[in-house]
Each structure stands twice: as C-alpha cells, then as structure tokens.
Amino acid sequence: MDDDRVSFAHPAVNEPISAIGGEYLFTEERRVADPEGDLLVYKGFFMIDRSCCGVGGSAYAMVAGFVDQWHCRTGPDNRPVSLVRPVKDKGDRARIAAMIKKEDPLCQVSFL
C-alpha cells in the first residue's frame, strides 16, 4: 500500500456525537471534484454548551483527503472504510479551504 494512503472510517451523518464540552454533528458527506482527484469532505457543526469557559459553536468542514478507493471494506462497526490520501501540501490546503469558504464563508476548514 502507498505510504501516503490511510484507511478512513466514514463517520455517521446526522447522529450527534457527545464530547466533554458539548457535541458535534456531521450533516453532510460529499465527494468534491478537484484537479488532483475527488476529495472526501464532511460538513457539520459543533456546539459548546457544557464548558466552564462559556458557550458557542461553529460550522465546519473536515477534509478527509483525496479518494483512492471508495468503500473498499467495512469496519468493525459496519460503517464503510475508504482509502484516502490526506492533503499535505500547504498550497493545496489553501486552495481547497478557499473553495469551501467560497461556498460557506463562515465555515472553519480542517484537514485529516
């Protein structure tokens, strides 16, 4: 296997995940066409409502990476697993983040 590829277990969409300070939720899973190959992108939001430091929240996008093999197996939780290449190049990250923010300006963008 190519050293840059990682197994990515697809998280559930529209199922809140509890965390110590609040919860987060993936609302959308998308494959986005890119000159370097399809990107696997998740959008969602988080809410901090159980923190000693106050409350807040934000929309976000999480870029898993470039898809090499889509749904190549099933994980132990019966969720699909794909092989992705994380976006490591700073220029690619900036370009992809700008593309996502053009669609959703208030969205924070993170990369696997």
N, C-alpha and C. Protein backbone atom coordinates (compact mmCIF):
# COMPACT_ATOMS: atom_id res chain seq x y z
N MET A 1 0.85 -1.19 0.00
CA MET A 1 0.00 0.00 0.00
C MET A 1 0.89 1.24 0.00
N ASP A 2 0.46 2.25 -0.74
CA ASP A 2 1.16 3.53 -0.80
C ASP A 2 1.24 4.11 0.61
N ASP A 3 2.42 4.59 1.02
CA ASP A 3 2.62 5.11 2.38
C ASP A 3 1.74 6.30 2.71
N ASP A 4 1.31 7.05 1.69
CA ASP A 4 0.51 8.25 1.95
C ASP A 4 -0.96 7.94 2.18
N ARG A 5 -1.43 6.76 1.82
CA ARG A 5 -2.84 6.44 1.96
C ARG A 5 -3.15 5.99 3.39
N VAL A 6 -4.33 6.37 3.85
CA VAL A 6 -4.79 5.94 5.17
C VAL A 6 -6.20 5.38 5.03
N SER A 7 -6.52 4.45 5.90
CA SER A 7 -7.89 3.94 5.98
C SER A 7 -8.73 4.96 6.72
N PHE A 8 -9.83 5.33 6.13
CA PHE A 8 -10.71 6.33 6.73
C PHE A 8 -12.08 5.70 6.93
N ALA A 9 -12.48 5.54 8.19
CA ALA A 9 -13.80 5.02 8.53
C ALA A 9 -14.81 6.16 8.45
N HIS A 10 -15.78 6.01 7.57
CA HIS A 10 -16.78 7.06 7.37
C HIS A 10 -17.62 7.24 8.64
N PRO A 11 -17.65 8.45 9.19
CA PRO A 11 -18.49 8.68 10.37
C PRO A 11 -19.97 8.74 9.98
N ALA A 12 -20.82 8.55 10.95
CA ALA A 12 -22.26 8.65 10.73
C ALA A 12 -22.64 10.10 10.46
N VAL A 13 -23.62 10.29 9.62
CA VAL A 13 -24.15 11.63 9.32
C VAL A 13 -25.48 11.80 10.06
N ASN A 14 -25.67 12.99 10.59
CA ASN A 14 -26.89 13.36 11.32
C ASN A 14 -27.09 12.55 12.60
N GLU A 15 -26.00 12.13 13.23
CA GLU A 15 -26.05 11.48 14.53
C GLU A 15 -25.13 12.25 15.47
N PRO A 16 -25.68 13.00 16.43
CA PRO A 16 -24.86 13.81 17.33
C PRO A 16 -23.84 12.96 18.08
N ILE A 17 -22.66 13.52 18.26
CA ILE A 17 -21.58 12.86 18.99
C ILE A 17 -21.27 13.73 20.20
N SER A 18 -21.42 13.16 21.37
CA SER A 18 -21.21 13.90 22.61
C SER A 18 -19.72 14.00 22.91
N ALA A 19 -19.31 15.16 23.37
CA ALA A 19 -17.93 15.41 23.77
C ALA A 19 -17.96 16.06 25.14
N ILE A 20 -16.81 16.25 25.74
CA ILE A 20 -16.76 16.75 27.11
C ILE A 20 -17.40 18.13 27.26
N GLY A 21 -17.25 19.00 26.25
CA GLY A 21 -17.77 20.35 26.38
C GLY A 21 -19.05 20.61 25.62
N GLY A 22 -19.54 19.61 24.89
CA GLY A 22 -20.75 19.81 24.10
C GLY A 22 -20.97 18.65 23.17
N GLU A 23 -21.31 18.95 21.92
CA GLU A 23 -21.48 17.90 20.93
C GLU A 23 -21.18 18.43 19.55
N TYR A 24 -20.95 17.49 18.64
CA TYR A 24 -20.76 17.86 17.25
C TYR A 24 -21.55 16.91 16.38
N LEU A 25 -21.74 17.32 15.13
CA LEU A 25 -22.61 16.59 14.24
C LEU A 25 -22.10 16.79 12.82
N PHE A 26 -21.92 15.69 12.11
CA PHE A 26 -21.68 15.77 10.67
C PHE A 26 -23.04 15.81 9.99
N THR A 27 -23.27 16.82 9.17
CA THR A 27 -24.56 16.96 8.50
C THR A 27 -24.51 16.55 7.04
N GLU A 28 -23.31 16.40 6.50
CA GLU A 28 -23.20 16.12 5.07
C GLU A 28 -21.88 15.43 4.76
N GLU A 29 -21.94 14.42 3.91
CA GLU A 29 -20.75 13.77 3.35
C GLU A 29 -20.79 14.01 1.85
N ARG A 30 -19.69 14.51 1.31
CA ARG A 30 -19.66 14.80 -0.14
C ARG A 30 -18.34 14.39 -0.74
N ARG A 31 -18.41 13.97 -1.98
CA ARG A 31 -17.21 13.83 -2.80
C ARG A 31 -17.19 15.06 -3.70
N VAL A 32 -16.09 15.79 -3.64
CA VAL A 32 -15.96 17.05 -4.36
C VAL A 32 -14.89 16.88 -5.44
N ALA A 33 -15.25 17.19 -6.67
CA ALA A 33 -14.29 17.08 -7.78
C ALA A 33 -13.19 18.12 -7.60
N ASP A 34 -11.95 17.68 -7.82
CA ASP A 34 -10.78 18.53 -7.70
C ASP A 34 -9.79 18.08 -8.78
N PRO A 35 -8.97 19.00 -9.30
CA PRO A 35 -7.99 18.60 -10.33
C PRO A 35 -7.05 17.47 -9.86
N GLU A 36 -6.82 17.36 -8.56
CA GLU A 36 -5.94 16.32 -8.03
C GLU A 36 -6.67 15.00 -7.79
N GLY A 37 -7.98 15.00 -7.91
CA GLY A 37 -8.81 13.82 -7.65
C GLY A 37 -9.95 14.17 -6.74
N ASP A 38 -10.94 13.28 -6.65
CA ASP A 38 -12.08 13.55 -5.78
C ASP A 38 -11.65 13.70 -4.33
N LEU A 39 -12.23 14.68 -3.66
CA LEU A 39 -12.00 14.90 -2.23
C LEU A 39 -13.18 14.36 -1.45
N LEU A 40 -12.91 13.79 -0.29
CA LEU A 40 -13.96 13.39 0.63
C LEU A 40 -14.08 14.48 1.69
N VAL A 41 -15.23 15.14 1.73
CA VAL A 41 -15.44 16.30 2.60
C VAL A 41 -16.69 16.08 3.45
N TYR A 42 -16.56 16.39 4.72
CA TYR A 42 -17.68 16.35 5.65
C TYR A 42 -17.96 17.77 6.11
N LYS A 43 -19.23 18.11 6.19
CA LYS A 43 -19.63 19.39 6.78
C LYS A 43 -20.46 19.09 8.01
N GLY A 44 -20.43 20.04 8.94
CA GLY A 44 -21.19 19.86 10.16
C GLY A 44 -21.12 21.09 11.03
N PHE A 45 -21.46 20.91 12.29
CA PHE A 45 -21.36 22.00 13.25
C PHE A 45 -21.07 21.42 14.62
N PHE A 46 -20.53 22.27 15.48
CA PHE A 46 -20.32 21.87 16.86
C PHE A 46 -20.93 22.92 17.77
N MET A 47 -21.30 22.47 18.95
CA MET A 47 -21.88 23.36 19.93
C MET A 47 -21.20 23.09 21.27
N ILE A 48 -20.69 24.13 21.87
CA ILE A 48 -20.10 24.03 23.20
C ILE A 48 -21.14 24.58 24.17
N ASP A 49 -21.68 23.69 25.00
CA ASP A 49 -22.71 24.13 25.94
C ASP A 49 -22.52 23.53 27.33
N ARG A 50 -21.41 22.81 27.53
CA ARG A 50 -21.13 22.23 28.84
C ARG A 50 -19.72 22.59 29.30
N SER A 51 -19.30 23.76 28.96
CA SER A 51 -17.93 24.18 29.26
C SER A 51 -17.94 25.23 30.37
N CYS A 52 -16.90 25.21 31.19
CA CYS A 52 -16.78 26.23 32.23
C CYS A 52 -16.40 27.59 31.64
N CYS A 53 -15.99 27.59 30.37
CA CYS A 53 -15.49 28.82 29.75
C CYS A 53 -16.55 29.54 28.93
N GLY A 54 -17.79 29.07 28.92
CA GLY A 54 -18.83 29.74 28.16
C GLY A 54 -19.44 28.81 27.13
N VAL A 55 -20.27 29.40 26.27
CA VAL A 55 -20.95 28.63 25.23
C VAL A 55 -20.58 29.19 23.87
N GLY A 56 -20.80 28.39 22.85
CA GLY A 56 -20.50 28.83 21.50
C GLY A 56 -20.70 27.68 20.53
N GLY A 57 -20.35 27.93 19.31
CA GLY A 57 -20.48 26.91 18.28
C GLY A 57 -20.01 27.46 16.95
N SER A 58 -19.94 26.58 15.98
CA SER A 58 -19.49 26.99 14.66
C SER A 58 -19.80 25.89 13.65
N ALA A 59 -19.88 26.29 12.41
CA ALA A 59 -19.95 25.34 11.30
C ALA A 59 -18.53 24.97 10.91
N TYR A 60 -18.35 23.78 10.39
CA TYR A 60 -17.02 23.36 9.97
C TYR A 60 -17.09 22.42 8.78
N ALA A 61 -15.96 22.29 8.14
CA ALA A 61 -15.77 21.28 7.10
C ALA A 61 -14.50 20.52 7.46
N MET A 62 -14.56 19.21 7.34
CA MET A 62 -13.40 18.37 7.58
C MET A 62 -13.09 17.66 6.28
N VAL A 63 -11.87 17.88 5.78
CA VAL A 63 -11.44 17.26 4.53
C VAL A 63 -10.64 16.02 4.89
N ALA A 64 -11.21 14.85 4.55
CA ALA A 64 -10.52 13.59 4.86
C ALA A 64 -9.33 13.39 3.93
N GLY A 65 -9.48 13.77 2.66
CA GLY A 65 -8.38 13.63 1.71
C GLY A 65 -8.88 13.26 0.32
N PHE A 66 -7.92 12.96 -0.55
CA PHE A 66 -8.23 12.53 -1.91
C PHE A 66 -8.60 11.05 -1.88
N VAL A 67 -9.70 10.70 -2.53
CA VAL A 67 -10.19 9.33 -2.50
C VAL A 67 -9.38 8.47 -3.47
N ASP A 68 -8.75 7.42 -2.94
CA ASP A 68 -8.07 6.43 -3.78
C ASP A 68 -8.94 5.20 -4.01
N GLN A 69 -9.60 4.72 -2.95
CA GLN A 69 -10.52 3.58 -3.07
C GLN A 69 -11.75 3.87 -2.22
N TRP A 70 -12.89 3.90 -2.88
CA TRP A 70 -14.14 4.25 -2.23
C TRP A 70 -14.80 3.00 -1.65
N HIS A 71 -15.15 3.05 -0.37
CA HIS A 71 -15.86 1.95 0.30
C HIS A 71 -15.21 0.60 -0.01
N CYS A 72 -13.91 0.52 0.23
CA CYS A 72 -13.16 -0.70 -0.12
C CYS A 72 -13.37 -1.83 0.89
N ARG A 73 -13.89 -1.51 2.05
CA ARG A 73 -14.21 -2.55 3.03
C ARG A 73 -15.17 -1.98 4.07
N THR A 74 -15.55 -2.83 5.01
CA THR A 74 -16.44 -2.43 6.09
C THR A 74 -15.68 -2.54 7.40
N GLY A 75 -15.84 -1.53 8.26
CA GLY A 75 -15.17 -1.53 9.55
C GLY A 75 -15.90 -2.37 10.57
N PRO A 76 -15.33 -2.51 11.77
CA PRO A 76 -15.95 -3.33 12.81
C PRO A 76 -17.33 -2.85 13.24
N ASP A 77 -17.62 -1.56 13.01
CA ASP A 77 -18.93 -1.01 13.36
C ASP A 77 -19.91 -1.04 12.18
N ASN A 78 -19.54 -1.80 11.13
CA ASN A 78 -20.34 -1.93 9.90
C ASN A 78 -20.45 -0.65 9.10
N ARG A 79 -19.55 0.31 9.36
CA ARG A 79 -19.50 1.55 8.58
C ARG A 79 -18.50 1.35 7.46
N PRO A 80 -18.70 2.00 6.32
CA PRO A 80 -17.75 1.84 5.21
C PRO A 80 -16.40 2.47 5.53
N VAL A 81 -15.37 1.90 4.95
CA VAL A 81 -13.99 2.41 5.07
C VAL A 81 -13.49 2.66 3.65
N SER A 82 -12.88 3.82 3.45
CA SER A 82 -12.27 4.17 2.17
C SER A 82 -10.79 4.43 2.38
N LEU A 83 -10.01 4.31 1.32
CA LEU A 83 -8.60 4.69 1.36
C LEU A 83 -8.49 6.10 0.80
N VAL A 84 -7.88 6.98 1.59
CA VAL A 84 -7.70 8.37 1.17
C VAL A 84 -6.24 8.78 1.34
N ARG A 85 -5.86 9.79 0.57
CA ARG A 85 -4.55 10.42 0.73
C ARG A 85 -4.78 11.77 1.37
N PRO A 86 -4.35 11.95 2.62
CA PRO A 86 -4.54 13.26 3.26
C PRO A 86 -3.88 14.38 2.45
N VAL A 87 -4.49 15.55 2.50
CA VAL A 87 -3.98 16.72 1.79
C VAL A 87 -2.85 17.30 2.64
N LYS A 88 -1.62 17.14 2.18
CA LYS A 88 -0.46 17.59 2.96
C LYS A 88 0.14 18.90 2.44
N ASP A 89 0.02 19.12 1.15
CA ASP A 89 0.64 20.30 0.54
C ASP A 89 -0.08 21.58 0.99
N LYS A 90 0.70 22.54 1.49
CA LYS A 90 0.11 23.80 2.01
C LYS A 90 -0.65 24.56 0.93
N GLY A 91 -0.12 24.55 -0.29
CA GLY A 91 -0.81 25.22 -1.38
C GLY A 91 -2.15 24.58 -1.70
N ASP A 92 -2.17 23.24 -1.72
CA ASP A 92 -3.44 22.52 -1.96
C ASP A 92 -4.43 22.80 -0.84
N ARG A 93 -3.94 22.81 0.40
CA ARG A 93 -4.82 23.09 1.54
C ARG A 93 -5.44 24.48 1.42
N ALA A 94 -4.63 25.46 1.08
CA ALA A 94 -5.14 26.83 0.96
C ALA A 94 -6.17 26.92 -0.17
N ARG A 95 -5.88 26.28 -1.30
CA ARG A 95 -6.79 26.30 -2.45
C ARG A 95 -8.12 25.62 -2.10
N ILE A 96 -8.05 24.46 -1.44
CA ILE A 96 -9.26 23.72 -1.09
C ILE A 96 -10.06 24.47 -0.03
N ALA A 97 -9.39 25.02 0.98
CA ALA A 97 -10.08 25.80 2.00
C ALA A 97 -10.80 26.99 1.38
N ALA A 98 -10.15 27.67 0.43
CA ALA A 98 -10.77 28.81 -0.23
C ALA A 98 -12.00 28.37 -1.03
N MET A 99 -11.93 27.21 -1.67
CA MET A 99 -13.06 26.69 -2.44
C MET A 99 -14.24 26.42 -1.50
N ILE A 100 -13.98 25.82 -0.35
CA ILE A 100 -15.05 25.52 0.61
C ILE A 100 -15.61 26.81 1.20
N LYS A 101 -14.74 27.75 1.56
CA LYS A 101 -15.19 29.00 2.15
C LYS A 101 -15.96 29.87 1.16
N LYS A 102 -15.68 29.70 -0.13
CA LYS A 102 -16.45 30.45 -1.14
C LYS A 102 -17.91 30.03 -1.09
N GLU A 103 -18.14 28.74 -0.85
CA GLU A 103 -19.49 28.21 -0.75
C GLU A 103 -20.13 28.52 0.60
N ASP A 104 -19.30 28.51 1.65
CA ASP A 104 -19.79 28.69 3.03
C ASP A 104 -18.78 29.54 3.79
N PRO A 105 -18.87 30.87 3.70
CA PRO A 105 -17.84 31.76 4.25
C PRO A 105 -17.59 31.64 5.76
N LEU A 106 -18.56 31.19 6.55
CA LEU A 106 -18.40 31.11 7.99
C LEU A 106 -17.85 29.77 8.45
N CYS A 107 -17.57 28.90 7.53
CA CYS A 107 -17.16 27.54 7.83
C CYS A 107 -15.66 27.48 8.18
N GLN A 108 -15.34 26.83 9.29
CA GLN A 108 -13.93 26.54 9.61
C GLN A 108 -13.55 25.29 8.82
N VAL A 109 -12.35 25.25 8.27
CA VAL A 109 -11.91 24.10 7.47
C VAL A 109 -10.72 23.44 8.14
N SER A 110 -10.82 22.13 8.34
CA SER A 110 -9.71 21.37 8.89
C SER A 110 -9.42 20.19 7.96
N PHE A 111 -8.22 19.64 8.12
CA PHE A 111 -7.76 18.55 7.26
C PHE A 111 -7.32 17.39 8.13
N LEU A 112 -7.59 16.17 7.64
CA LEU A 112 -7.15 14.95 8.33
C LEU A 112 -5.65 14.90 8.37
